[in-house]
């Protein structure tokens, strides 16, 4: 029972790390279009997100291996949610005249 609790806590911690890491990536990608120093922003964001993730993983591993093992599914779940959310946001609604046989004829 003790191990299941640690795995659950690790999963929640991994999900929180994933939200922070991939949320930071999403925020950075939104800022790149308007940033005067896009390269610096991208590099600092990557280093900051990776440092936070690495430090938290080390802390989880030092506390208990079950926390670290539990963090993996939480991190992957957060990645899946962020990827799906970003994909839905980026998919444009096709205009009505493109629906049909694929030849571009207008519906009317």
Protein backbone atom coordinates (compact mmCIF):
# COMPACT_ATOMS: atom_id res chain seq x y z
CA UNK A 1 0.00 0.00 0.00
CA UNK A 2 2.85 2.39 0.81
CA UNK A 3 4.32 1.98 -2.69
CA UNK A 4 0.98 2.75 -4.36
CA UNK A 5 0.74 6.01 -2.46
CA UNK A 6 4.27 6.97 -3.52
CA UNK A 7 3.51 6.08 -7.14
CA UNK A 8 0.36 8.20 -7.03
CA UNK A 9 2.21 11.17 -5.54
CA UNK A 10 4.91 10.74 -8.16
CA UNK A 11 2.29 10.71 -10.91
CA UNK A 12 0.80 13.97 -9.66
CA UNK A 13 4.28 15.48 -9.39
CA UNK A 14 5.09 14.33 -12.93
CA UNK A 15 1.88 15.83 -14.24
CA UNK A 16 2.71 19.13 -12.55
CA UNK A 17 6.20 19.05 -14.04
CA UNK A 18 4.75 18.28 -17.45
CA UNK A 19 2.29 21.15 -17.21
CA UNK A 20 5.13 23.50 -16.27
CA UNK A 21 7.52 22.21 -18.94
CA UNK A 22 5.11 21.98 -21.87
CA UNK A 23 3.12 25.02 -20.75
CA UNK A 24 6.36 26.98 -20.79
CA UNK A 25 7.09 25.66 -24.26
CA UNK A 26 3.64 26.70 -25.45
CA UNK A 27 4.04 30.16 -23.91
CA UNK A 28 7.46 30.56 -25.52
CA UNK A 29 6.12 29.57 -28.93
CA UNK A 30 3.38 32.19 -28.58
CA UNK A 31 5.93 34.88 -27.72
CA UNK A 32 8.36 34.11 -30.55
CA UNK A 33 6.32 35.85 -33.25
CA UNK A 34 6.41 39.21 -31.47
CA UNK A 35 9.82 38.99 -29.80
CA UNK A 36 12.68 41.13 -31.02
CA UNK A 37 15.16 38.58 -29.64
CA UNK A 38 13.53 35.27 -30.53
CA UNK A 39 16.74 33.25 -30.36
CA UNK A 40 17.60 34.43 -26.88
CA UNK A 41 14.05 33.84 -25.69
CA UNK A 42 14.06 30.33 -27.12
CA UNK A 43 17.42 29.47 -25.57
CA UNK A 44 16.58 30.88 -22.14
CA UNK A 45 13.22 29.16 -22.13
CA UNK A 46 14.78 25.82 -23.02
CA UNK A 47 17.52 26.10 -20.41
CA UNK A 48 15.07 27.23 -17.74
CA UNK A 49 12.50 24.52 -18.46
CA UNK A 50 15.15 21.81 -18.66
CA UNK A 51 16.83 22.97 -15.45
CA UNK A 52 13.52 22.95 -13.57
CA UNK A 53 12.68 19.49 -14.89
CA UNK A 54 16.10 18.05 -14.10
CA UNK A 55 16.20 19.47 -10.58
CA UNK A 56 12.75 18.15 -9.76
CA UNK A 57 13.58 14.71 -11.17
CA UNK A 58 16.73 14.58 -9.03
CA UNK A 59 14.72 15.55 -5.95
CA UNK A 60 12.12 12.86 -6.67
CA UNK A 61 14.84 10.25 -7.22
CA UNK A 62 16.60 11.15 -3.97
CA UNK A 63 13.40 10.91 -1.95
CA UNK A 64 12.26 7.55 -3.31
CA UNK A 65 12.55 5.61 -6.57
CA UNK A 66 8.78 4.98 -6.57
CA UNK A 67 8.21 8.73 -6.86
CA UNK A 68 10.46 8.85 -9.89
CA UNK A 69 8.78 5.86 -11.51
CA UNK A 70 5.36 7.37 -10.83
CA UNK A 71 6.39 10.69 -12.34
CA UNK A 72 6.91 9.19 -15.79
CA UNK A 73 3.22 8.51 -16.61
CA UNK A 74 2.23 11.89 -15.20
CA UNK A 75 4.80 13.66 -17.38
CA UNK A 76 3.70 11.73 -20.46
CA UNK A 77 0.04 12.45 -19.74
CA UNK A 78 0.75 16.17 -19.49
CA UNK A 79 2.65 16.03 -22.78
CA UNK A 80 -0.30 14.31 -24.46
CA UNK A 81 -2.76 16.90 -23.15
CA UNK A 82 -0.60 19.86 -24.22
CA UNK A 83 0.07 18.35 -27.64
CA UNK A 84 -3.64 17.76 -28.22
CA UNK A 85 -4.54 21.26 -27.02
CA UNK A 86 -1.91 22.86 -29.28
CA UNK A 87 -3.01 20.80 -32.27
CA UNK A 88 -6.66 21.78 -31.80
CA UNK A 89 -5.68 25.43 -31.46
CA UNK A 90 -3.59 25.39 -34.65
CA UNK A 91 -6.09 23.57 -36.89
CA UNK A 92 -7.92 26.18 -38.91
CA UNK A 93 -11.55 25.71 -39.84
CA UNK A 94 -11.61 25.06 -43.57
CA UNK A 95 -13.73 27.41 -45.68
CA UNK A 96 -17.05 25.98 -46.87
CA UNK A 97 -16.05 26.02 -50.55
CA UNK A 98 -13.22 23.51 -49.97
CA UNK A 99 -15.58 20.82 -48.74
CA UNK A 100 -16.64 18.60 -51.59
CA UNK A 101 -14.89 16.58 -54.22
CA UNK A 102 -11.56 18.28 -53.65
CA UNK A 103 -11.72 20.36 -56.85
CA UNK A 104 -12.48 23.61 -55.02
CA UNK A 105 -16.01 24.10 -56.36
CA UNK A 106 -18.31 26.34 -54.40
CA UNK A 107 -21.37 25.11 -52.60
CA UNK A 108 -24.41 27.19 -52.97
